[in-house]
Amino acid sequence: MKFSEDQIYRYARHIILPEVGGSGQKKLLAAKVLLLGAGGLGSPIAYYLAAAGIGNIGIIDFDVVDRSNLQRQILHTTEDVGKLKVDSAREKLTKLNPDVKVTTYNARLDSSNVLDIFKDWDIIVDGSDNFPTRYMVNDACVMLGKTNVHGSIFRFEGQVTVFKSPEGPCYRCMYPEPPPPGMVPSCQEAGVLGVLPGVVGNLQAVEVIKQVIGIGSPLVGKLALYDALKTELRKLNVRKDPKCPLCGPNKTITKLIDYQVFCGVGPGHQNG
């Protein structure tokens, strides 16, 4: 592909980076990245990936914009209250960068549709806020061979990692079993610092770009932990579990399961 004059100006700061260059920008424009949720994490991820020139962005979310979202979900404004989040998100992203094709799914992600939705995307970005969705996303990505850029937030803390099987561990390697119901409150119950999703979401966006272009040291087998109160960023090693029932050599999970029963909780939201 050849860059238009507008694209040369738009992506000039990328193109002059030796690690990115014209070839890297072309990879970004050709990439297909699906975001789970247009909420706290999905908002900064979507904005920065669209600005960077990710050519194909998918967003799945079944929720509408609520006034309580506006403290952290920067894709949306007061005028968007009551709108579908996917519609609000598409409007903002296409205004930001007309190069980006935005595909939206106004649907609840579940075991009946996740494989069909995921199959056409290169990278899945998990910004969900509940355990059933996280396990389902992980299992679907492993089964389809998709890279899963995972992030989560809670109060003043967040974490980011990249699950890329078989190269690295999966979510079940880190958390073989979900915590007992009620042990981990949701952001709705415990609260979350409004700017925290911006930090964690942007770390996820960085990992997506690194995966697309093939640069740097990705967080495969690494877990980045961010503490906003201490202004502290730590990185831990995460190893593959040889007994993992999903990505281990003797796998026992070969199809999607009933995740609500497995996690012992209700469906919740998908975006924080």
C-alpha atoms as a PDB file:
ATOM      1  CA  MET A   1       0.000   0.000   0.000  1.00  0.00           C
ATOM      2  CA  LYS A   2       1.036   3.603  -0.555  1.00  0.00           C
ATOM      3  CA  PHE A   3       0.448   6.324   1.996  1.00  0.00           C
ATOM      4  CA  SER A   4      -1.738   9.256   1.038  1.00  0.00           C
ATOM      5  CA  GLU A   5      -0.448  12.753   1.714  1.00  0.00           C
ATOM      6  CA  ASP A   6      -2.784  13.007   4.699  1.00  0.00           C
ATOM      7  CA  GLN A   7      -1.458   9.726   6.122  1.00  0.00           C
ATOM      8  CA  ILE A   8       2.148  10.858   5.786  1.00  0.00           C
ATOM      9  CA  TYR A   9       1.330  13.911   7.904  1.00  0.00           C
ATOM     10  CA  ARG A  10      -0.916  12.023  10.312  1.00  0.00           C
ATOM     11  CA  TYR A  11       1.588   9.261  11.077  1.00  0.00           C
ATOM     12  CA  ALA A  12       4.791  11.269  10.648  1.00  0.00           C
ATOM     13  CA  ARG A  13       5.909  10.767  14.258  1.00  0.00           C
ATOM     14  CA  HIS A  14       5.584   7.019  13.807  1.00  0.00           C
ATOM     15  CA  ILE A  15       7.239   6.865  10.421  1.00  0.00           C
ATOM     16  CA  ILE A  16      10.383   8.657  11.626  1.00  0.00           C
ATOM     17  CA  LEU A  17      10.837   6.113  14.420  1.00  0.00           C
ATOM     18  CA  PRO A  18      13.328   3.517  13.133  1.00  0.00           C
ATOM     19  CA  GLU A  19      11.536   0.794  15.119  1.00  0.00           C
ATOM     20  CA  VAL A  20       8.235   1.594  13.387  1.00  0.00           C
ATOM     21  CA  GLY A  21       8.871   3.294  10.053  1.00  0.00           C
ATOM     22  CA  GLY A  22       6.639   3.032   7.035  1.00  0.00           C
ATOM     23  CA  SER A  23       6.544  -0.766   7.172  1.00  0.00           C
ATOM     24  CA  GLY A  24       5.392  -0.760  10.789  1.00  0.00           C
ATOM     25  CA  GLN A  25       2.700   1.808  10.093  1.00  0.00           C
ATOM     26  CA  LYS A  26       1.425  -0.339   7.240  1.00  0.00           C
ATOM     27  CA  LYS A  27       1.159  -3.270   9.654  1.00  0.00           C
ATOM     28  CA  LEU A  28      -0.867  -1.104  12.026  1.00  0.00           C
ATOM     29  CA  LEU A  29      -3.234  -0.044   9.252  1.00  0.00           C
ATOM     30  CA  ALA A  30      -3.756  -3.683   8.252  1.00  0.00           C
ATOM     31  CA  ALA A  31      -4.247  -4.992  11.804  1.00  0.00           C
ATOM     32  CA  LYS A  32      -7.538  -6.324  13.175  1.00  0.00           C
ATOM     33  CA  VAL A  33      -7.979  -5.731  16.913  1.00  0.00           C
ATOM     34  CA  LEU A  34     -11.113  -6.579  18.900  1.00  0.00           C
ATOM     35  CA  LEU A  35     -11.823  -4.737  22.161  1.00  0.00           C
ATOM     36  CA  LEU A  36     -13.981  -6.280  24.862  1.00  0.00           C
ATOM     37  CA  GLY A  37     -15.896  -3.354  26.257  1.00  0.00           C
ATOM     38  CA  ALA A  38     -16.116   0.373  25.552  1.00  0.00           C
ATOM     39  CA  GLY A  39     -15.829   1.279  29.212  1.00  0.00           C
ATOM     40  CA  GLY A  40     -13.049   2.133  31.647  1.00  0.00           C
ATOM     41  CA  LEU A  41     -10.241   0.200  29.962  1.00  0.00           C
ATOM     42  CA  GLY A  42     -11.776   0.085  26.507  1.00  0.00           C
ATOM     43  CA  SER A  43     -12.007   3.883  26.285  1.00  0.00           C
ATOM     44  CA  PRO A  44      -8.282   4.771  26.379  1.00  0.00           C
ATOM     45  CA  ILE A  45      -7.347   1.619  24.473  1.00  0.00           C
ATOM     46  CA  ALA A  46      -9.744   2.467  21.654  1.00  0.00           C
ATOM     47  CA  TYR A  47      -8.729   6.130  21.474  1.00  0.00           C
ATOM     48  CA  TYR A  48      -5.013   5.479  21.294  1.00  0.00           C
ATOM     49  CA  LEU A  49      -5.233   2.519  18.923  1.00  0.00           C
ATOM     50  CA  ALA A  50      -7.422   4.553  16.579  1.00  0.00           C
ATOM     51  CA  ALA A  51      -5.031   7.499  16.789  1.00  0.00           C
ATOM     52  CA  ALA A  52      -2.101   5.152  16.095  1.00  0.00           C
ATOM     53  CA  GLY A  53      -3.769   3.951  12.922  1.00  0.00           C
ATOM     54  CA  ILE A  54      -4.971   0.458  13.798  1.00  0.00           C
ATOM     55  CA  GLY A  55      -6.997   0.013  10.643  1.00  0.00           C
ATOM     56  CA  ASN A  56      -9.686  -2.352  11.893  1.00  0.00           C
ATOM     57  CA  ILE A  57     -11.078  -2.011  15.416  1.00  0.00           C
ATOM     58  CA  GLY A  58     -13.907  -4.144  16.723  1.00  0.00           C
ATOM     59  CA  ILE A  59     -15.839  -3.283  19.894  1.00  0.00           C
ATOM     60  CA  ILE A  60     -18.243  -5.579  21.696  1.00  0.00           C
ATOM     61  CA  ASP A  61     -20.440  -4.137  24.442  1.00  0.00           C
ATOM     62  CA  PHE A  62     -24.110  -4.563  25.348  1.00  0.00           C
ATOM     63  CA  ASP A  63     -24.379  -1.642  27.774  1.00  0.00           C
ATOM     64  CA  VAL A  64     -25.614   1.954  27.505  1.00  0.00           C
ATOM     65  CA  VAL A  65     -23.808   5.055  28.731  1.00  0.00           C
ATOM     66  CA  ASP A  66     -24.665   5.933  32.328  1.00  0.00           C
ATOM     67  CA  ARG A  67     -23.792   9.163  34.117  1.00  0.00           C
ATOM     68  CA  SER A  68     -21.682   7.204  36.622  1.00  0.00           C
ATOM     69  CA  ASN A  69     -19.476   5.998  33.730  1.00  0.00           C
ATOM     70  CA  LEU A  70     -18.252   9.495  32.877  1.00  0.00           C
ATOM     71  CA  GLN A  71     -15.783   9.634  35.784  1.00  0.00           C
ATOM     72  CA  ARG A  72     -13.479   7.235  33.877  1.00  0.00           C
ATOM     73  CA  GLN A  73     -14.959   6.132  30.525  1.00  0.00           C
ATOM     74  CA  ILE A  74     -13.543   8.914  28.373  1.00  0.00           C
ATOM     75  CA  LEU A  75     -15.020   7.727  25.075  1.00  0.00           C
ATOM     76  CA  HIS A  76     -18.357   9.099  26.246  1.00  0.00           C
ATOM     77  CA  THR A  77     -19.713  12.534  27.140  1.00  0.00           C
ATOM     78  CA  THR A  78     -22.713  13.840  29.040  1.00  0.00           C
ATOM     79  CA  GLU A  79     -24.605  14.087  25.746  1.00  0.00           C
ATOM     80  CA  ASP A  80     -24.138  10.331  25.248  1.00  0.00           C
ATOM     81  CA  VAL A  81     -25.979   9.283  28.411  1.00  0.00           C
ATOM     82  CA  GLY A  82     -28.572   6.699  27.389  1.00  0.00           C
ATOM     83  CA  LYS A  83     -26.851   5.839  24.084  1.00  0.00           C
ATOM     84  CA  LEU A  84     -25.464   2.421  23.301  1.00  0.00           C
ATOM     85  CA  LYS A  85     -21.779   2.457  24.189  1.00  0.00           C
ATOM     86  CA  VAL A  86     -20.829   0.880  20.864  1.00  0.00           C
ATOM     87  CA  ASP A  87     -22.589   3.681  18.974  1.00  0.00           C
ATOM     88  CA  SER A  88     -20.952   6.380  21.095  1.00  0.00           C
ATOM     89  CA  ALA A  89     -17.553   4.728  20.644  1.00  0.00           C
ATOM     90  CA  ARG A  90     -17.863   4.381  16.866  1.00  0.00           C
ATOM     91  CA  GLU A  91     -18.828   8.038  16.538  1.00  0.00           C
ATOM     92  CA  LYS A  92     -15.782   9.242  18.493  1.00  0.00           C
ATOM     93  CA  LEU A  93     -13.259   6.955  16.802  1.00  0.00           C
ATOM     94  CA  THR A  94     -14.338   7.697  13.233  1.00  0.00           C
ATOM     95  CA  LYS A  95     -14.151  11.423  13.970  1.00  0.00           C
ATOM     96  CA  LEU A  96     -10.659  10.965  15.410  1.00  0.00           C
ATOM     97  CA  ASN A  97      -9.290   8.964  12.487  1.00  0.00           C
ATOM     98  CA  PRO A  98     -11.212   8.311   9.242  1.00  0.00           C
ATOM     99  CA  ASP A  99      -8.656   5.626   8.321  1.00  0.00           C
ATOM    100  CA  VAL A 100     -10.116   3.337  10.973  1.00  0.00           C
ATOM    101  CA  LYS A 101     -12.918   0.911  10.171  1.00  0.00           C
ATOM    102  CA  VAL A 102     -14.938   0.365  13.361  1.00  0.00           C
ATOM    103  CA  THR A 103     -17.020  -2.810  13.646  1.00  0.00           C
ATOM    104  CA  THR A 104     -19.424  -2.955  16.592  1.00  0.00           C
ATOM    105  CA  TYR A 105     -21.241  -5.801  18.308  1.00  0.00           C
ATOM    106  CA  ASN A 106     -24.146  -4.712  20.495  1.00  0.00           C
ATOM    107  CA  ALA A 107     -24.269  -8.097  22.192  1.00  0.00           C
ATOM    108  CA  ARG A 108     -23.440  -9.940  25.367  1.00  0.00           C
ATOM    109  CA  LEU A 109     -20.413 -12.144  24.786  1.00  0.00           C
ATOM    110  CA  ASP A 110     -21.126 -15.758  25.744  1.00  0.00           C
ATOM    111  CA  SER A 111     -20.111 -19.286  24.878  1.00  0.00           C
ATOM    112  CA  SER A 112     -22.578 -19.401  21.990  1.00  0.00           C
ATOM    113  CA  ASN A 113     -21.043 -16.492  20.044  1.00  0.00           C
ATOM    114  CA  VAL A 114     -17.479 -15.931  21.306  1.00  0.00           C
ATOM    115  CA  LEU A 115     -15.705 -18.303  18.894  1.00  0.00           C
ATOM    116  CA  ASP A 116     -17.592 -16.978  15.881  1.00  0.00           C
ATOM    117  CA  ILE A 117     -16.854 -13.347  16.820  1.00  0.00           C
ATOM    118  CA  PHE A 118     -13.179 -13.906  17.702  1.00  0.00           C
ATOM    119  CA  LYS A 119     -12.209 -15.930  14.628  1.00  0.00           C
ATOM    120  CA  ASP A 120     -11.868 -12.935  12.277  1.00  0.00           C
ATOM    121  CA  TRP A 121      -9.645 -10.819  14.576  1.00  0.00           C
ATOM    122  CA  ASP A 122      -5.858 -10.898  15.046  1.00  0.00           C
ATOM    123  CA  ILE A 123      -5.640  -9.685  18.649  1.00  0.00           C
ATOM    124  CA  ILE A 124      -8.223  -9.728  21.433  1.00  0.00           C
ATOM    125  CA  VAL A 125      -7.979  -7.011  24.107  1.00  0.00           C
ATOM    126  CA  ASP A 126      -9.702  -8.034  27.323  1.00  0.00           C
ATOM    127  CA  GLY A 127     -10.995  -5.117  29.361  1.00  0.00           C
ATOM    128  CA  SER A 128     -13.771  -7.079  31.074  1.00  0.00           C
ATOM    129  CA  ASP A 129     -14.538  -6.732  34.762  1.00  0.00           C
ATOM    130  CA  ASN A 130     -15.822 -10.171  35.771  1.00  0.00           C
ATOM    131  CA  PHE A 131     -14.405 -13.656  36.085  1.00  0.00           C
ATOM    132  CA  PRO A 132     -16.818 -15.559  33.817  1.00  0.00           C
ATOM    133  CA  THR A 133     -15.900 -13.320  30.878  1.00  0.00           C
ATOM    134  CA  ARG A 134     -12.159 -13.470  31.608  1.00  0.00           C
ATOM    135  CA  TYR A 135     -12.084 -17.269  31.702  1.00  0.00           C
ATOM    136  CA  MET A 136     -14.253 -17.530  28.595  1.00  0.00           C
ATOM    137  CA  VAL A 137     -12.093 -15.058  26.676  1.00  0.00           C
ATOM    138  CA  ASN A 138      -8.952 -16.908  27.723  1.00  0.00           C
ATOM    139  CA  ASP A 139     -10.322 -20.301  26.709  1.00  0.00           C
ATOM    140  CA  ALA A 140     -11.593 -19.038  23.348  1.00  0.00           C
ATOM    141  CA  CYS A 141      -8.256 -17.353  22.574  1.00  0.00           C
ATOM    142  CA  VAL A 142      -6.281 -20.509  23.369  1.00  0.00           C
ATOM    143  CA  MET A 143      -8.620 -22.654  21.275  1.00  0.00           C
ATOM    144  CA  LEU A 144      -8.380 -20.258  18.318  1.00  0.00           C
ATOM    145  CA  GLY A 145      -4.678 -19.418  18.721  1.00  0.00           C
ATOM    146  CA  LYS A 146      -5.389 -15.712  19.320  1.00  0.00           C
ATOM    147  CA  THR A 147      -3.231 -13.300  21.325  1.00  0.00           C
ATOM    148  CA  ASN A 148      -5.049 -11.996  24.413  1.00  0.00           C
ATOM    149  CA  VAL A 149      -3.883  -8.628  25.794  1.00  0.00           C
ATOM    150  CA  HIS A 150      -5.355  -8.734  29.275  1.00  0.00           C
ATOM    151  CA  GLY A 151      -5.872  -5.890  31.749  1.00  0.00           C
ATOM    152  CA  SER A 152      -7.791  -5.417  34.968  1.00  0.00           C
ATOM    153  CA  ILE A 153      -8.306  -2.648  37.524  1.00  0.00           C
ATOM    154  CA  PHE A 154      -9.418  -2.477  41.157  1.00  0.00           C
ATOM    155  CA  ARG A 155      -9.579   0.618  43.372  1.00  0.00           C
ATOM    156  CA  PHE A 156      -6.029   2.065  42.982  1.00  0.00           C
ATOM    157  CA  GLU A 157      -4.319  -0.931  41.364  1.00  0.00           C
ATOM    158  CA  GLY A 158      -4.143  -2.511  37.949  1.00  0.00           C
ATOM    159  CA  GLN A 159      -2.401  -5.292  36.077  1.00  0.00           C
ATOM    160  CA  VAL A 160      -1.503  -6.045  32.468  1.00  0.00           C
ATOM    161  CA  THR A 161      -0.179  -9.135  30.731  1.00  0.00           C
ATOM    162  CA  VAL A 162      -0.213 -10.825  27.327  1.00  0.00           C
ATOM    163  CA  PHE A 163      -1.506 -14.372  27.034  1.00  0.00           C
ATOM    164  CA  LYS A 164      -0.083 -15.932  23.883  1.00  0.00           C
ATOM    165  CA  SER A 165      -0.343 -19.695  23.841  1.00  0.00           C
ATOM    166  CA  PRO A 166       1.663 -21.841  23.219  1.00  0.00           C
ATOM    167  CA  GLU A 167       4.473 -19.275  23.538  1.00  0.00           C
ATOM    168  CA  GLY A 168       3.498 -18.335  27.095  1.00  0.00           C
ATOM    169  CA  PRO A 169       1.050 -19.113  29.902  1.00  0.00           C
ATOM    170  CA  CYS A 170      -2.695 -18.578  29.769  1.00  0.00           C
ATOM    171  CA  TYR A 171      -5.070 -17.058  32.330  1.00  0.00           C
ATOM    172  CA  ARG A 172      -5.726 -20.493  33.827  1.00  0.00           C
ATOM    173  CA  CYS A 173      -1.989 -20.931  34.445  1.00  0.00           C
ATOM    174  CA  MET A 174      -2.131 -17.850  36.700  1.00  0.00           C
ATOM    175  CA  TYR A 175      -5.563 -18.473  38.177  1.00  0.00           C
ATOM    176  CA  PRO A 176      -6.556 -22.160  37.924  1.00  0.00           C
ATOM    177  CA  GLU A 177      -9.757 -21.497  39.846  1.00  0.00           C
ATOM    178  CA  PRO A 178     -11.825 -18.316  40.310  1.00  0.00           C
ATOM    179  CA  PRO A 179     -12.044 -16.871  43.831  1.00  0.00           C
ATOM    180  CA  PRO A 180     -15.072 -17.817  45.918  1.00  0.00           C
ATOM    181  CA  PRO A 181     -18.188 -15.747  45.111  1.00  0.00           C
ATOM    182  CA  GLY A 182     -18.202 -12.432  46.956  1.00  0.00           C
ATOM    183  CA  MET A 183     -14.506 -12.476  47.874  1.00  0.00           C
ATOM    184  CA  VAL A 184     -13.510  -9.946  45.192  1.00  0.00           C
ATOM    185  CA  PRO A 185     -15.973  -7.013  44.960  1.00  0.00           C
ATOM    186  CA  SER A 186     -16.588  -5.352  41.608  1.00  0.00           C
ATOM    187  CA  CYS A 187     -15.565  -1.778  40.814  1.00  0.00           C
ATOM    188  CA  GLN A 188     -19.218  -0.829  41.263  1.00  0.00           C
ATOM    189  CA  GLU A 189     -19.037  -2.142  44.818  1.00  0.00           C
ATOM    190  CA  ALA A 190     -15.482  -1.129  45.770  1.00  0.00           C
ATOM    191  CA  GLY A 191     -14.897   1.957  43.597  1.00  0.00           C
ATOM    192  CA  VAL A 192     -12.052   2.786  41.236  1.00  0.00           C
ATOM    193  CA  LEU A 193      -9.832   5.842  40.803  1.00  0.00           C
ATOM    194  CA  GLY A 194     -11.066   7.554  37.644  1.00  0.00           C
ATOM    195  CA  VAL A 195      -7.640   8.000  36.032  1.00  0.00           C
ATOM    196  CA  LEU A 196      -6.474   4.425  36.751  1.00  0.00           C
ATOM    197  CA  PRO A 197      -8.062   2.912  33.615  1.00  0.00           C
ATOM    198  CA  GLY A 198      -6.128   5.473  31.570  1.00  0.00           C
ATOM    199  CA  VAL A 199      -2.796   4.180  32.853  1.00  0.00           C
ATOM    200  CA  VAL A 200      -3.656   0.478  32.568  1.00  0.00           C
ATOM    201  CA  GLY A 201      -5.518   0.841  29.268  1.00  0.00           C
ATOM    202  CA  ASN A 202      -2.603   2.667  27.699  1.00  0.00           C
ATOM    203  CA  LEU A 203      -0.231  -0.093  28.822  1.00  0.00           C
ATOM    204  CA  GLN A 204      -2.531  -2.531  27.041  1.00  0.00           C
ATOM    205  CA  ALA A 205      -2.527  -0.349  23.917  1.00  0.00           C
ATOM    206  CA  VAL A 206       1.281  -0.331  23.947  1.00  0.00           C
ATOM    207  CA  GLU A 207       1.315  -4.135  24.106  1.00  0.00           C
ATOM    208  CA  VAL A 208      -1.080  -4.333  21.152  1.00  0.00           C
ATOM    209  CA  ILE A 209       1.133  -2.094  19.022  1.00  0.00           C
ATOM    210  CA  LYS A 210       4.242  -4.082  19.980  1.00  0.00           C
ATOM    211  CA  GLN A 211       2.496  -7.299  18.977  1.00  0.00           C
ATOM    212  CA  VAL A 212       1.325  -5.901  15.634  1.00  0.00           C
ATOM    213  CA  ILE A 213       4.690  -4.456  14.615  1.00  0.00           C
ATOM    214  CA  GLY A 214       6.836  -7.089  16.314  1.00  0.00           C
ATOM    215  CA  ILE A 215       9.032  -4.783  18.407  1.00  0.00           C
ATOM    216  CA  GLY A 216      10.239  -4.590  21.991  1.00  0.00           C
ATOM    217  CA  SER A 217       9.829  -7.116  24.773  1.00  0.00           C
ATOM    218  CA  PRO A 218       6.149  -8.058  25.115  1.00  0.00           C
ATOM    219  CA  LEU A 219       4.526  -8.989  28.406  1.00  0.00           C
ATOM    220  CA  VAL A 220       4.276 -12.652  27.420  1.00  0.00           C
ATOM    221  CA  GLY A 221       5.034 -14.602  30.584  1.00  0.00           C
ATOM    222  CA  LYS A 222       5.231 -11.298  32.492  1.00  0.00           C
ATOM    223  CA  LEU A 223       2.674  -9.591  34.713  1.00  0.00           C
ATOM    224  CA  ALA A 224       2.943  -5.808  35.126  1.00  0.00           C
ATOM    225  CA  LEU A 225       1.442  -4.543  38.390  1.00  0.00           C
ATOM    226  CA  TYR A 226       0.664  -0.843  38.827  1.00  0.00           C
ATOM    227  CA  ASP A 227      -0.027   0.821  42.187  1.00  0.00           C
ATOM    228  CA  ALA A 228      -1.306   4.368  41.750  1.00  0.00           C
ATOM    229  CA  LEU A 229      -0.986   5.355  45.425  1.00  0.00           C
ATOM    230  CA  LYS A 230       2.692   4.363  45.507  1.00  0.00           C
ATOM    231  CA  THR A 231       3.382   5.359  41.891  1.00  0.00           C
ATOM    232  CA  GLU A 232       4.956   1.937  41.578  1.00  0.00           C
ATOM    233  CA  LEU A 233       5.200  -0.387  38.587  1.00  0.00           C
ATOM    234  CA  ARG A 234       6.472  -3.908  39.207  1.00  0.00           C
ATOM    235  CA  LYS A 235       6.910  -6.827  36.824  1.00  0.00           C
ATOM    236  CA  LEU A 236       6.596 -10.478  37.813  1.00  0.00           C
ATOM    237  CA  ASN A 237       7.390 -13.654  35.905  1.00  0.00           C
ATOM    238  CA  VAL A 238       4.460 -15.952  35.133  1.00  0.00           C
ATOM    239  CA  ARG A 239       5.275 -19.503  34.080  1.00  0.00           C
ATOM    240  CA  LYS A 240       3.234 -21.980  32.091  1.00  0.00           C
ATOM    241  CA  ASP A 241       1.568 -24.548  34.301  1.00  0.00           C
ATOM    242  CA  PRO A 242       2.455 -28.024  32.981  1.00  0.00           C
ATOM    243  CA  LYS A 243      -0.769 -29.266  34.560  1.00  0.00           C
ATOM    244  CA  CYS A 244      -2.956 -26.540  33.018  1.00  0.00           C
ATOM    245  CA  PRO A 245      -6.150 -28.240  31.826  1.00  0.00           C
ATOM    246  CA  LEU A 246      -6.369 -25.886  28.840  1.00  0.00           C
ATOM    247  CA  CYS A 247      -2.874 -25.186  27.475  1.00  0.00           C
ATOM    248  CA  GLY A 248      -0.879 -27.985  29.141  1.00  0.00           C
ATOM    249  CA  PRO A 249       0.249 -31.181  27.381  1.00  0.00           C
ATOM    250  CA  ASN A 250      -2.552 -33.218  28.965  1.00  0.00           C
ATOM    251  CA  LYS A 251      -5.440 -30.847  28.390  1.00  0.00           C
ATOM    252  CA  THR A 252      -8.852 -31.798  29.683  1.00  0.00           C
ATOM    253  CA  ILE A 253     -10.699 -28.669  28.545  1.00  0.00           C
ATOM    254  CA  THR A 254     -11.421 -29.007  24.834  1.00  0.00           C
ATOM    255  CA  LYS A 255     -14.621 -26.986  24.550  1.00  0.00           C
ATOM    256  CA  LEU A 256     -16.207 -23.964  26.176  1.00  0.00           C
ATOM    257  CA  ILE A 257     -17.955 -24.565  29.486  1.00  0.00           C
ATOM    258  CA  ASP A 258     -20.724 -22.964  31.536  1.00  0.00           C
ATOM    259  CA  TYR A 259     -18.672 -20.104  32.981  1.00  0.00           C
ATOM    260  CA  GLN A 260     -21.419 -18.726  35.210  1.00  0.00           C
ATOM    261  CA  VAL A 261     -21.583 -22.037  37.045  1.00  0.00           C
ATOM    262  CA  PHE A 262     -17.774 -22.392  37.073  1.00  0.00           C
ATOM    263  CA  CYS A 263     -17.299 -18.958  38.651  1.00  0.00           C
ATOM    264  CA  GLY A 264     -20.416 -19.089  40.787  1.00  0.00           C
ATOM    265  CA  VAL A 265     -21.506 -15.539  39.881  1.00  0.00           C
ATOM    266  CA  GLY A 266     -23.918 -13.684  37.651  1.00  0.00           C
ATOM    267  CA  PRO A 267     -23.035 -12.311  34.192  1.00  0.00           C
ATOM    268  CA  GLY A 268     -22.141  -8.774  35.346  1.00  0.00           C
ATOM    269  CA  HIS A 269     -20.810  -6.244  32.865  1.00  0.00           C
ATOM    270  CA  GLN A 270     -18.019  -6.589  30.349  1.00  0.00           C
ATOM    271  CA  ASN A 271     -16.175  -3.318  30.651  1.00  0.00           C
ATOM    272  CA  GLY A 272     -15.753  -1.737  34.116  1.00  0.00           C
END
